[in-house]
N, C-alpha and C. Protein backbone atom coordinates (compact mmCIF):
# COMPACT_ATOMS: atom_id res chain seq x y z
N MET A 1 27.64 1.58 112.91
CA MET A 1 27.06 1.74 111.60
C MET A 1 27.67 0.97 110.70
N ALA A 2 26.93 0.00 109.76
CA ALA A 2 27.73 -0.77 109.00
C ALA A 2 28.48 -0.17 107.87
N LYS A 3 29.35 -1.06 107.81
CA LYS A 3 30.45 -0.20 106.48
C LYS A 3 30.05 -1.25 105.05
N ARG A 4 30.38 -0.23 104.01
CA ARG A 4 30.06 -0.40 102.84
C ARG A 4 30.64 -1.48 102.33
N ALA A 5 30.13 -2.42 101.38
CA ALA A 5 31.13 -3.13 100.50
C ALA A 5 31.90 -2.35 99.90
N GLY A 6 33.30 -2.61 99.47
CA GLY A 6 33.95 -1.62 98.40
C GLY A 6 33.72 -2.45 97.26
N PRO A 7 34.38 -1.90 96.20
CA PRO A 7 34.31 -2.42 94.67
C PRO A 7 35.04 -3.86 94.61
N ALA A 8 36.25 -3.63 95.59
CA ALA A 8 36.84 -5.53 95.46
C ALA A 8 35.85 -6.30 95.86
N GLN A 9 35.25 -5.85 97.10
CA GLN A 9 34.30 -7.01 97.89
C GLN A 9 33.17 -7.52 97.26
N VAL A 10 32.56 -6.38 96.19
CA VAL A 10 31.37 -6.44 95.30
C VAL A 10 31.98 -7.64 94.01
N THR A 11 33.38 -7.06 93.75
CA THR A 11 33.47 -7.96 92.53
C THR A 11 33.65 -9.56 93.24
N THR A 12 34.44 -9.60 94.10
CA THR A 12 34.65 -11.15 94.48
C THR A 12 33.33 -11.63 94.99
N ALA A 13 32.61 -10.96 95.49
CA ALA A 13 31.03 -11.39 95.33
C ALA A 13 30.68 -11.92 94.57
N ARG A 14 30.55 -10.90 93.16
CA ARG A 14 30.03 -11.56 92.11
C ARG A 14 30.65 -12.79 91.42
N GLU A 15 32.09 -12.71 91.50
CA GLU A 15 33.22 -14.12 91.14
C GLU A 15 32.58 -14.98 91.86
N THR A 16 32.31 -14.96 93.23
CA THR A 16 32.03 -16.39 94.01
C THR A 16 30.32 -16.73 93.50
N GLU A 17 29.44 -15.68 93.22
CA GLU A 17 28.24 -16.46 92.95
C GLU A 17 28.07 -16.81 91.35
N ASN A 18 29.08 -16.28 90.81
CA ASN A 18 29.30 -16.74 89.08
C ASN A 18 29.72 -18.20 89.44
N THR A 19 30.74 -18.46 90.40
CA THR A 19 31.68 -19.53 90.20
C THR A 19 30.10 -20.57 90.28
N ASP A 20 29.12 -20.14 91.68
CA ASP A 20 28.37 -21.35 91.78
C ASP A 20 27.37 -21.62 90.45
N TRP A 21 27.31 -20.50 89.77
CA TRP A 21 26.20 -20.46 88.96
C TRP A 21 26.75 -21.69 87.80
N VAL A 22 28.12 -21.43 87.54
CA VAL A 22 28.84 -22.39 86.66
C VAL A 22 28.86 -23.69 87.24
N ALA A 23 28.67 -23.83 88.22
CA ALA A 23 28.69 -25.14 88.93
C ALA A 23 27.66 -25.73 88.66
N CYS A 24 26.42 -24.94 88.75
CA CYS A 24 25.44 -25.59 88.64
C CYS A 24 25.32 -25.92 87.15
N ILE A 25 25.55 -25.15 86.02
CA ILE A 25 25.82 -25.23 84.90
C ILE A 25 26.30 -26.73 84.63
N ALA A 26 27.19 -26.75 84.88
CA ALA A 26 27.95 -28.16 84.93
C ALA A 26 27.44 -28.99 85.48
N ALA A 27 26.76 -29.28 86.33
CA ALA A 27 26.11 -30.27 86.89
C ALA A 27 25.07 -30.58 86.14
N ILE A 28 24.55 -29.93 85.64
CA ILE A 28 23.39 -29.91 84.60
C ILE A 28 23.84 -30.90 83.57
N ARG A 29 24.98 -30.29 83.04
CA ARG A 29 25.52 -30.64 81.32
C ARG A 29 26.11 -32.26 81.97
N ASP A 30 26.61 -32.36 82.74
CA ASP A 30 27.33 -33.63 83.07
C ASP A 30 26.26 -34.63 83.70
N HIS A 31 25.67 -34.27 84.66
CA HIS A 31 24.75 -35.36 85.24
C HIS A 31 22.82 -35.23 85.22
N GLY A 32 22.73 -34.02 84.42
CA GLY A 32 21.44 -34.02 84.43
C GLY A 32 20.73 -33.35 85.88
N ASP A 33 21.19 -32.63 86.45
CA ASP A 33 21.14 -32.59 88.20
C ASP A 33 20.29 -31.32 87.91
N GLU A 34 18.98 -32.25 88.61
CA GLU A 34 18.02 -31.33 88.40
C GLU A 34 17.64 -30.32 89.85
N ALA A 35 18.39 -30.55 90.79
CA ALA A 35 18.42 -29.51 92.13
C ALA A 35 19.44 -28.30 91.72
N ALA A 36 20.42 -28.93 91.12
CA ALA A 36 20.96 -27.63 90.16
C ALA A 36 20.36 -26.68 89.31
N PHE A 37 19.71 -27.44 88.73
CA PHE A 37 18.38 -26.74 87.81
C PHE A 37 17.53 -25.74 88.61
N ALA A 38 17.05 -26.32 89.46
CA ALA A 38 15.70 -25.84 90.49
C ALA A 38 16.30 -24.33 90.95
N ARG A 39 17.81 -24.54 91.19
CA ARG A 39 18.37 -23.67 91.89
C ARG A 39 18.70 -22.42 90.83
N LEU A 40 19.10 -22.77 89.62
CA LEU A 40 19.17 -21.53 88.91
C LEU A 40 17.83 -21.14 88.60
N PHE A 41 16.42 -22.10 88.30
CA PHE A 41 15.61 -21.51 87.71
C PHE A 41 14.60 -20.40 88.82
N ALA A 42 15.09 -20.94 90.26
CA ALA A 42 14.77 -19.84 91.04
C ALA A 42 15.36 -18.89 90.97
N HIS A 43 16.80 -18.55 90.89
CA HIS A 43 17.28 -17.28 90.83
C HIS A 43 17.12 -16.61 89.76
N PHE A 44 17.29 -17.27 88.40
CA PHE A 44 17.11 -16.63 87.15
C PHE A 44 15.87 -16.29 86.65
N ALA A 45 14.57 -17.40 86.72
CA ALA A 45 13.72 -17.17 85.95
C ALA A 45 12.78 -15.56 86.42
N PRO A 46 12.95 -15.21 87.77
CA PRO A 46 12.17 -14.24 88.18
C PRO A 46 12.72 -12.86 87.56
N ARG A 47 14.22 -13.08 87.49
CA ARG A 47 15.09 -11.70 86.84
C ARG A 47 14.51 -11.84 85.07
N VAL A 48 15.03 -13.05 84.65
CA VAL A 48 14.94 -12.76 82.88
C VAL A 48 13.28 -12.56 82.82
N LYS A 49 12.42 -12.84 83.47
CA LYS A 49 10.59 -12.21 83.19
C LYS A 49 10.66 -10.83 83.34
N ALA A 50 11.46 -10.48 84.42
CA ALA A 50 11.42 -8.94 84.71
C ALA A 50 12.30 -8.15 83.84
N PHE A 51 13.47 -8.65 83.33
CA PHE A 51 14.21 -7.94 82.02
C PHE A 51 13.77 -8.00 81.01
N LEU A 52 12.69 -8.68 80.56
CA LEU A 52 12.03 -9.16 79.33
C LEU A 52 10.95 -7.99 79.49
N MET A 53 10.13 -7.75 80.73
CA MET A 53 8.97 -7.06 80.77
C MET A 53 9.61 -5.28 80.44
N ARG A 54 10.92 -5.41 81.11
CA ARG A 54 11.41 -3.72 81.17
C ARG A 54 11.47 -3.84 79.50
N SER A 55 12.03 -4.62 79.09
CA SER A 55 12.52 -4.30 77.44
C SER A 55 11.24 -4.38 76.55
N GLY A 56 9.97 -4.10 77.01
CA GLY A 56 8.88 -4.28 76.01
C GLY A 56 8.17 -5.24 75.77
N ALA A 57 8.41 -6.39 76.45
CA ALA A 57 7.54 -7.36 76.40
C ALA A 57 6.41 -7.71 77.21
N ASP A 58 4.87 -7.79 76.76
CA ASP A 58 4.07 -7.94 77.78
C ASP A 58 4.45 -9.30 78.66
N ALA A 59 3.37 -9.38 79.56
CA ALA A 59 3.71 -10.45 80.83
C ALA A 59 3.54 -11.83 80.49
N THR A 60 2.74 -11.76 79.09
CA THR A 60 2.24 -13.31 78.62
C THR A 60 3.73 -13.80 77.74
N LEU A 61 4.44 -12.88 77.08
CA LEU A 61 5.42 -13.11 76.09
C LEU A 61 6.42 -13.32 77.13
N ALA A 62 6.49 -12.20 78.01
CA ALA A 62 7.92 -12.73 78.72
C ALA A 62 7.39 -13.93 79.54
N GLU A 63 6.46 -14.48 79.98
CA GLU A 63 6.59 -15.77 80.74
C GLU A 63 6.81 -17.03 79.75
N GLU A 64 6.22 -17.03 78.25
CA GLU A 64 6.69 -17.72 77.45
C GLU A 64 8.29 -17.76 77.06
N CYS A 65 8.54 -16.74 76.90
CA CYS A 65 10.32 -16.80 76.52
C CYS A 65 11.24 -17.05 77.68
N THR A 66 10.73 -16.59 79.05
CA THR A 66 10.96 -17.42 80.57
C THR A 66 11.58 -18.83 80.44
N GLN A 67 9.91 -19.40 80.05
CA GLN A 67 9.95 -20.82 79.86
C GLN A 67 11.19 -21.55 78.63
N GLU A 68 11.08 -20.74 77.52
CA GLU A 68 11.79 -21.35 76.81
C GLU A 68 13.28 -20.99 76.79
N VAL A 69 13.85 -20.00 77.67
CA VAL A 69 15.11 -19.35 78.10
C VAL A 69 15.86 -20.81 79.25
N MET A 70 14.89 -21.18 80.10
CA MET A 70 14.97 -22.15 81.05
C MET A 70 15.33 -23.35 80.46
N SER A 71 14.64 -23.81 79.39
CA SER A 71 14.41 -24.98 78.63
C SER A 71 15.61 -25.09 78.11
N THR A 72 16.00 -24.08 77.25
CA THR A 72 17.13 -23.99 76.69
C THR A 72 18.38 -24.12 77.51
N LEU A 73 18.43 -23.22 78.57
CA LEU A 73 19.54 -23.89 79.59
C LEU A 73 19.72 -25.33 80.24
N TRP A 74 18.61 -25.92 80.47
CA TRP A 74 18.41 -27.49 80.25
C TRP A 74 19.18 -28.70 79.27
N GLN A 75 18.63 -27.73 78.40
CA GLN A 75 18.99 -28.68 76.97
C GLN A 75 20.43 -28.36 76.33
N LYS A 76 20.81 -27.26 76.86
CA LYS A 76 21.94 -26.70 76.15
C LYS A 76 22.74 -26.25 77.05
N ALA A 77 22.94 -27.04 78.23
CA ALA A 77 24.23 -26.61 79.16
C ALA A 77 25.45 -27.09 78.61
N HIS A 78 25.84 -27.91 78.01
CA HIS A 78 27.01 -28.12 76.92
C HIS A 78 27.47 -27.14 76.17
N LEU A 79 26.55 -26.38 75.93
CA LEU A 79 27.11 -24.92 75.14
C LEU A 79 28.00 -24.12 75.85
N PHE A 80 27.74 -23.87 76.96
CA PHE A 80 28.23 -22.64 77.91
C PHE A 80 29.40 -22.89 78.13
N ASP A 81 30.28 -21.51 77.72
CA ASP A 81 31.54 -21.75 78.02
C ASP A 81 31.92 -20.76 79.06
N PRO A 82 32.38 -20.77 80.28
CA PRO A 82 32.30 -19.91 81.04
C PRO A 82 33.58 -18.66 81.20
N THR A 83 34.64 -19.50 79.68
CA THR A 83 35.84 -18.57 79.66
C THR A 83 35.34 -17.49 78.96
N ARG A 84 34.03 -17.26 78.17
CA ARG A 84 33.92 -16.31 77.32
C ARG A 84 32.56 -15.88 77.87
N ALA A 85 31.60 -16.01 79.04
CA ALA A 85 30.90 -15.27 79.47
C ALA A 85 30.49 -15.84 80.70
N SER A 86 30.33 -14.73 81.71
CA SER A 86 29.19 -15.18 82.94
C SER A 86 28.04 -16.13 82.76
N ALA A 87 27.77 -16.53 83.64
CA ALA A 87 26.52 -17.59 83.61
C ALA A 87 25.13 -16.72 83.15
N ALA A 88 25.49 -15.69 84.20
CA ALA A 88 24.16 -14.58 84.07
C ALA A 88 24.46 -13.89 82.39
N THR A 89 25.45 -13.47 81.96
CA THR A 89 25.36 -12.81 80.99
C THR A 89 24.69 -14.17 79.56
N TRP A 90 25.22 -15.11 79.94
CA TRP A 90 24.89 -16.64 78.93
C TRP A 90 23.06 -16.53 78.67
N ILE A 91 22.56 -16.57 80.30
CA ILE A 91 21.40 -16.11 80.30
C ILE A 91 20.53 -15.65 79.79
N PHE A 92 21.05 -14.35 80.26
CA PHE A 92 20.65 -13.11 79.44
C PHE A 92 20.54 -12.95 78.03
N THR A 93 21.44 -13.34 77.63
CA THR A 93 21.70 -13.13 76.06
C THR A 93 20.75 -14.28 75.54
N ILE A 94 20.74 -15.59 75.99
CA ILE A 94 19.26 -16.36 75.14
C ILE A 94 17.88 -15.67 75.60
N ALA A 95 18.23 -14.99 76.78
CA ALA A 95 16.62 -14.38 76.62
C ALA A 95 16.39 -13.37 75.68
N ARG A 96 17.30 -12.38 75.71
CA ARG A 96 17.45 -11.48 74.40
C ARG A 96 16.96 -11.71 73.05
N ASN A 97 17.93 -13.14 72.67
CA ASN A 97 17.44 -13.66 71.54
C ASN A 97 15.99 -14.10 71.35
N ARG A 98 15.50 -15.09 72.39
CA ARG A 98 14.46 -15.66 72.07
C ARG A 98 13.52 -14.63 72.49
N LYS A 99 13.38 -13.36 72.91
CA LYS A 99 12.60 -12.09 72.59
C LYS A 99 12.49 -11.54 71.05
N ILE A 100 13.46 -11.62 70.89
CA ILE A 100 13.89 -11.51 69.65
C ILE A 100 12.95 -11.97 68.34
N ASP A 101 13.30 -13.26 68.83
CA ASP A 101 12.99 -14.44 67.90
C ASP A 101 11.18 -14.44 68.11
N ALA A 102 10.63 -14.24 69.09
CA ALA A 102 9.03 -14.02 69.53
C ALA A 102 8.26 -12.98 68.60
N LEU A 103 9.19 -11.54 68.61
CA LEU A 103 8.89 -10.68 68.05
C LEU A 103 8.83 -10.64 66.63
N ARG A 104 9.63 -11.41 66.20
CA ARG A 104 9.69 -11.56 64.66
C ARG A 104 8.56 -12.45 64.32
N LYS A 105 8.46 -13.37 64.63
CA LYS A 105 7.54 -14.46 64.74
C LYS A 105 5.89 -13.88 64.71
N GLN A 106 5.53 -13.06 65.83
CA GLN A 106 4.58 -12.10 65.62
C GLN A 106 4.40 -11.26 64.71
N ARG A 107 5.51 -10.94 63.71
CA ARG A 107 5.03 -9.97 62.85
C ARG A 107 5.01 -10.50 61.57
N ARG A 108 5.21 -12.04 61.11
CA ARG A 108 5.17 -12.99 60.14
C ARG A 108 3.27 -12.71 59.84
N PRO A 109 3.35 -12.78 58.73
CA PRO A 109 1.38 -12.72 58.22
C PRO A 109 1.31 -14.26 58.64
N GLU A 110 0.28 -14.31 58.51
CA GLU A 110 -0.87 -15.77 59.16
C GLU A 110 -0.69 -16.01 57.48
N PRO A 111 -0.98 -17.48 57.30
CA PRO A 111 -1.51 -18.05 56.20
C PRO A 111 -2.52 -17.45 55.19
N GLU A 112 -3.45 -16.96 55.94
CA GLU A 112 -4.80 -16.68 55.61
C GLU A 112 -4.33 -15.40 55.42
N ASP A 113 -3.03 -14.35 55.52
CA ASP A 113 -3.30 -13.09 55.29
C ASP A 113 -2.11 -12.97 53.71
N LEU A 114 -2.01 -14.55 53.34
CA LEU A 114 -1.01 -14.24 52.26
C LEU A 114 -1.85 -14.06 50.84
N PRO A 115 -1.99 -13.64 50.00
CA PRO A 115 -2.52 -13.88 48.69
C PRO A 115 -2.09 -15.60 48.20
N TRP A 116 -3.44 -15.93 47.70
CA TRP A 116 -3.71 -17.50 47.15
C TRP A 116 -3.77 -17.06 45.42
N GLY A 117 -3.34 -18.00 44.51
CA GLY A 117 -3.50 -17.98 43.11
C GLY A 117 -2.68 -17.80 42.67
N GLN A 118 -2.27 -17.56 41.19
CA GLN A 118 -0.79 -17.02 40.72
C GLN A 118 -0.79 -15.82 40.74
N ASP A 119 0.10 -15.14 40.49
CA ASP A 119 0.50 -13.61 40.47
C ASP A 119 -0.05 -13.36 38.96
N PRO A 120 0.07 -12.12 39.48
CA PRO A 120 -0.46 -11.40 37.51
C PRO A 120 0.76 -11.22 36.85
N GLU A 121 0.99 -11.43 35.44
CA GLU A 121 1.98 -11.42 34.53
C GLU A 121 2.65 -9.88 34.93
N PRO A 122 3.84 -10.15 34.97
CA PRO A 122 4.48 -8.64 35.16
C PRO A 122 4.95 -8.17 33.77
N ASP A 123 4.65 -7.07 33.74
CA ASP A 123 4.74 -5.94 32.33
C ASP A 123 6.24 -6.05 31.96
N GLN A 124 6.20 -6.30 30.55
CA GLN A 124 7.43 -7.23 29.49
C GLN A 124 8.49 -5.89 29.88
N ALA A 125 7.84 -4.61 30.24
CA ALA A 125 9.46 -3.88 30.19
C ALA A 125 10.27 -3.80 31.52
N ASP A 126 9.29 -4.33 32.75
CA ASP A 126 9.65 -4.68 34.07
C ASP A 126 10.72 -5.64 34.06
N VAL A 127 10.25 -6.82 33.21
CA VAL A 127 11.01 -8.14 33.26
C VAL A 127 12.50 -7.59 32.39
N LEU A 128 12.11 -6.88 31.21
CA LEU A 128 13.54 -6.39 30.83
C LEU A 128 14.68 -5.60 31.29
N ALA A 129 13.87 -4.97 32.45
CA ALA A 129 14.80 -3.93 33.51
C ALA A 129 15.25 -4.81 34.33
N LEU A 130 14.60 -5.81 34.86
CA LEU A 130 15.34 -6.57 35.82
C LEU A 130 16.30 -7.61 35.39
N GLN A 131 15.83 -7.86 34.05
CA GLN A 131 16.80 -8.66 33.23
C GLN A 131 18.46 -8.06 33.18
N GLU A 132 18.02 -6.95 32.92
CA GLU A 132 18.89 -6.28 32.77
C GLU A 132 19.84 -5.58 34.10
N GLU A 133 19.61 -5.51 35.27
CA GLU A 133 19.90 -5.24 36.21
C GLU A 133 20.49 -6.35 36.96
N SER A 134 20.32 -7.46 36.27
CA SER A 134 20.70 -8.85 36.85
C SER A 134 21.70 -9.24 36.22
N ASP A 135 21.67 -8.73 35.01
CA ASP A 135 22.89 -8.81 34.15
C ASP A 135 24.16 -7.94 34.44
N GLN A 136 23.88 -6.62 34.64
CA GLN A 136 24.92 -5.72 35.33
C GLN A 136 25.08 -5.94 36.86
N LEU A 137 24.26 -6.61 37.54
CA LEU A 137 25.17 -7.27 38.83
C LEU A 137 26.02 -8.47 38.57
N GLY A 138 25.66 -9.40 37.68
CA GLY A 138 26.36 -10.43 37.33
C GLY A 138 27.88 -9.99 36.93
N ARG A 139 27.91 -9.25 36.03
CA ARG A 139 29.02 -8.34 35.82
C ARG A 139 30.11 -7.66 36.77
N ALA A 140 29.28 -6.79 37.48
CA ALA A 140 29.83 -6.13 38.71
C ALA A 140 30.64 -6.89 39.43
N ILE A 141 29.97 -8.27 39.79
CA ILE A 141 30.31 -9.47 40.93
C ILE A 141 31.48 -10.16 40.00
N ALA A 142 31.47 -10.44 39.22
CA ALA A 142 32.61 -10.81 38.05
C ALA A 142 33.81 -9.95 38.49
N ALA A 143 33.69 -8.72 38.06
CA ALA A 143 34.65 -7.18 38.45
C ALA A 143 35.36 -7.51 39.96
N LEU A 144 34.80 -8.03 40.51
CA LEU A 144 35.38 -7.92 42.03
C LEU A 144 36.56 -8.35 41.98
N PRO A 145 37.43 -8.13 42.92
CA PRO A 145 38.77 -8.84 43.59
C PRO A 145 38.32 -10.30 43.91
N ALA A 146 38.88 -11.27 43.72
CA ALA A 146 38.52 -12.49 43.81
C ALA A 146 38.17 -12.78 45.33
N LYS A 147 39.19 -12.30 46.21
CA LYS A 147 39.02 -12.16 47.17
C LYS A 147 37.70 -11.73 48.14
N GLN A 148 37.49 -10.57 47.42
CA GLN A 148 36.03 -9.92 47.76
C GLN A 148 34.97 -10.66 47.20
N ARG A 149 35.00 -11.21 46.18
CA ARG A 149 34.05 -11.96 45.30
C ARG A 149 33.78 -13.25 45.90
N GLU A 150 34.77 -14.21 46.39
CA GLU A 150 34.50 -14.93 46.75
C GLU A 150 33.87 -15.02 47.97
N LEU A 151 33.77 -13.94 48.98
CA LEU A 151 33.06 -13.61 50.35
C LEU A 151 31.90 -13.07 50.09
N ILE A 152 31.37 -12.39 49.46
CA ILE A 152 30.06 -12.08 48.64
C ILE A 152 29.30 -13.73 48.39
N GLU A 153 29.94 -14.15 47.43
CA GLU A 153 29.08 -15.55 46.83
C GLU A 153 29.13 -16.19 48.32
N LYS A 154 29.60 -16.04 49.32
CA LYS A 154 29.81 -17.23 50.54
C LYS A 154 28.16 -16.53 51.25
N ALA A 155 28.43 -14.94 51.33
CA ALA A 155 27.47 -14.44 52.20
C ALA A 155 25.92 -14.45 51.88
N TYR A 156 25.91 -14.26 50.13
CA TYR A 156 24.80 -13.68 49.75
C TYR A 156 24.27 -14.95 48.72
N PHE A 157 24.84 -15.69 48.37
CA PHE A 157 24.67 -16.82 46.80
C PHE A 157 24.21 -18.04 48.10
N ARG A 158 25.17 -18.54 49.01
CA ARG A 158 25.01 -19.71 50.07
C ARG A 158 24.62 -19.54 51.41
N ASP A 159 24.28 -18.05 51.52
CA ASP A 159 23.20 -17.42 52.92
C ASP A 159 24.16 -18.20 54.60
N LEU A 160 25.61 -17.92 54.16
CA LEU A 160 26.32 -18.16 55.11
C LEU A 160 26.40 -16.72 56.13
N SER A 161 26.67 -16.96 57.73
CA SER A 161 26.96 -15.87 58.32
C SER A 161 28.18 -15.40 58.23
N HIS A 162 28.62 -14.67 58.76
CA HIS A 162 30.23 -13.96 59.17
C HIS A 162 30.73 -15.03 59.79
N SER A 163 30.61 -15.61 60.92
CA SER A 163 30.89 -16.52 61.79
C SER A 163 31.31 -17.84 61.01
N GLU A 164 30.02 -18.18 59.79
CA GLU A 164 30.19 -19.40 59.38
C GLU A 164 31.49 -18.91 58.08
N ILE A 165 31.29 -17.72 57.69
CA ILE A 165 32.79 -17.96 56.40
C ILE A 165 34.11 -17.80 57.00
N ALA A 166 33.85 -17.07 58.49
CA ALA A 166 35.30 -17.24 59.43
C ALA A 166 35.79 -18.77 59.69
N ALA A 167 34.78 -19.65 59.93
CA ALA A 167 35.17 -20.47 60.06
C ALA A 167 35.00 -21.54 58.76
N ASP A 168 35.24 -21.46 57.89
CA ASP A 168 35.07 -22.12 56.46
C ASP A 168 36.53 -21.63 55.89
N THR A 169 36.85 -20.22 56.07
CA THR A 169 38.05 -19.90 55.54
C THR A 169 39.07 -19.23 56.21
N GLY A 170 39.12 -19.74 57.77
CA GLY A 170 39.89 -19.27 58.37
C GLY A 170 40.54 -17.30 58.67
N LEU A 171 39.69 -17.00 57.99
CA LEU A 171 39.79 -15.62 58.08
C LEU A 171 39.39 -14.88 59.19
N PRO A 172 40.03 -14.06 59.96
CA PRO A 172 39.39 -12.95 60.88
C PRO A 172 37.92 -12.57 60.69
N LEU A 173 37.19 -12.38 61.62
CA LEU A 173 35.83 -12.08 61.42
C LEU A 173 35.91 -10.36 61.00
N GLY A 174 36.74 -9.60 61.32
CA GLY A 174 37.14 -8.32 61.20
C GLY A 174 37.86 -8.32 59.71
N THR A 175 38.17 -9.14 59.03
CA THR A 175 38.61 -9.15 57.77
C THR A 175 37.79 -9.49 56.80
N ILE A 176 36.89 -10.48 57.34
CA ILE A 176 35.38 -10.62 56.68
C ILE A 176 34.64 -9.44 56.49
N LYS A 177 34.52 -8.76 57.83
CA LYS A 177 33.38 -7.65 57.48
C LYS A 177 34.27 -6.58 56.53
N SER A 178 35.20 -6.43 56.71
CA SER A 178 35.86 -5.33 55.97
C SER A 178 35.80 -5.73 54.36
N ARG A 179 36.12 -6.78 53.96
CA ARG A 179 36.16 -6.82 52.67
C ARG A 179 34.42 -7.05 52.18
N ILE A 180 33.61 -7.84 52.99
CA ILE A 180 32.28 -7.84 52.22
C ILE A 180 31.35 -6.21 52.10
N ARG A 181 31.95 -5.07 52.98
CA ARG A 181 31.45 -3.97 53.23
C ARG A 181 32.43 -3.19 51.99
N LEU A 182 33.27 -3.41 51.29
CA LEU A 182 34.45 -3.40 50.61
C LEU A 182 33.96 -3.31 49.11
N ALA A 183 33.70 -4.61 49.12
CA ALA A 183 32.79 -5.10 47.78
C ALA A 183 31.70 -4.80 47.66
N LEU A 184 30.49 -4.52 48.50
CA LEU A 184 28.88 -3.92 48.54
C LEU A 184 29.31 -2.45 48.36
N ASP A 185 30.21 -2.00 48.67
CA ASP A 185 30.43 -0.55 47.87
C ASP A 185 30.86 -0.25 46.84
N ARG A 186 31.86 -1.01 46.07
CA ARG A 186 32.10 -1.57 44.80
C ARG A 186 30.91 -1.90 44.01
N LEU A 187 30.28 -2.47 44.86
CA LEU A 187 28.64 -3.10 43.62
C LEU A 187 27.92 -1.78 43.40
N ARG A 188 27.72 -1.17 44.51
CA ARG A 188 26.85 -0.03 44.56
C ARG A 188 27.30 0.98 43.63
N HIS A 189 28.43 1.27 43.57
CA HIS A 189 29.06 2.45 42.34
C HIS A 189 29.03 1.30 40.99
N ALA A 190 29.00 0.40 41.31
CA ALA A 190 28.92 -0.09 39.40
C ALA A 190 27.53 -0.04 39.44
N MET A 191 26.42 -0.39 40.13
CA MET A 191 25.18 -0.21 39.73
C MET A 191 24.38 1.03 39.62
N LYS A 192 25.33 1.94 39.79
CA LYS A 192 24.68 3.46 39.80
C LYS A 192 24.73 3.71 38.14
């Protein structure tokens, strides 16, 4: 009777396998190693496609996303950081993001579905109401504490992500999220 692998043996096998995949990604990054890429492709492409299909993508979308994932792996191997994630986690994260992007793209209206020509003139009462709301929002933003106002302006007027704001200000991500949440709560109350 064969002995079953214990948790320590499974972990060691996974670590060994990850070390091999990390080495392949490094070979792609450093030398454009096609053999290392072929190895990664042979192992991960079918798994990525199956993952995408299990998560609701049809076969065509799954195939297209898989090709994009593997292309990204080849082109962006320099972005992989083995201290932050295993090779498999990095690859499957790329796959998940590609699927989300593809689904968003499918939901966008085609240019022929968009209305053409000038918009009808808005009702004067609507214009005045919108102007009053804008003025009220401006006053509410001005009344925020400076630290919250700065983050709201970066997030909503400069369209920076929380990570970009963290890099820009040096603040921890959690602090940024907390301050923005508090500021939005204050704005909601001010706009009632």
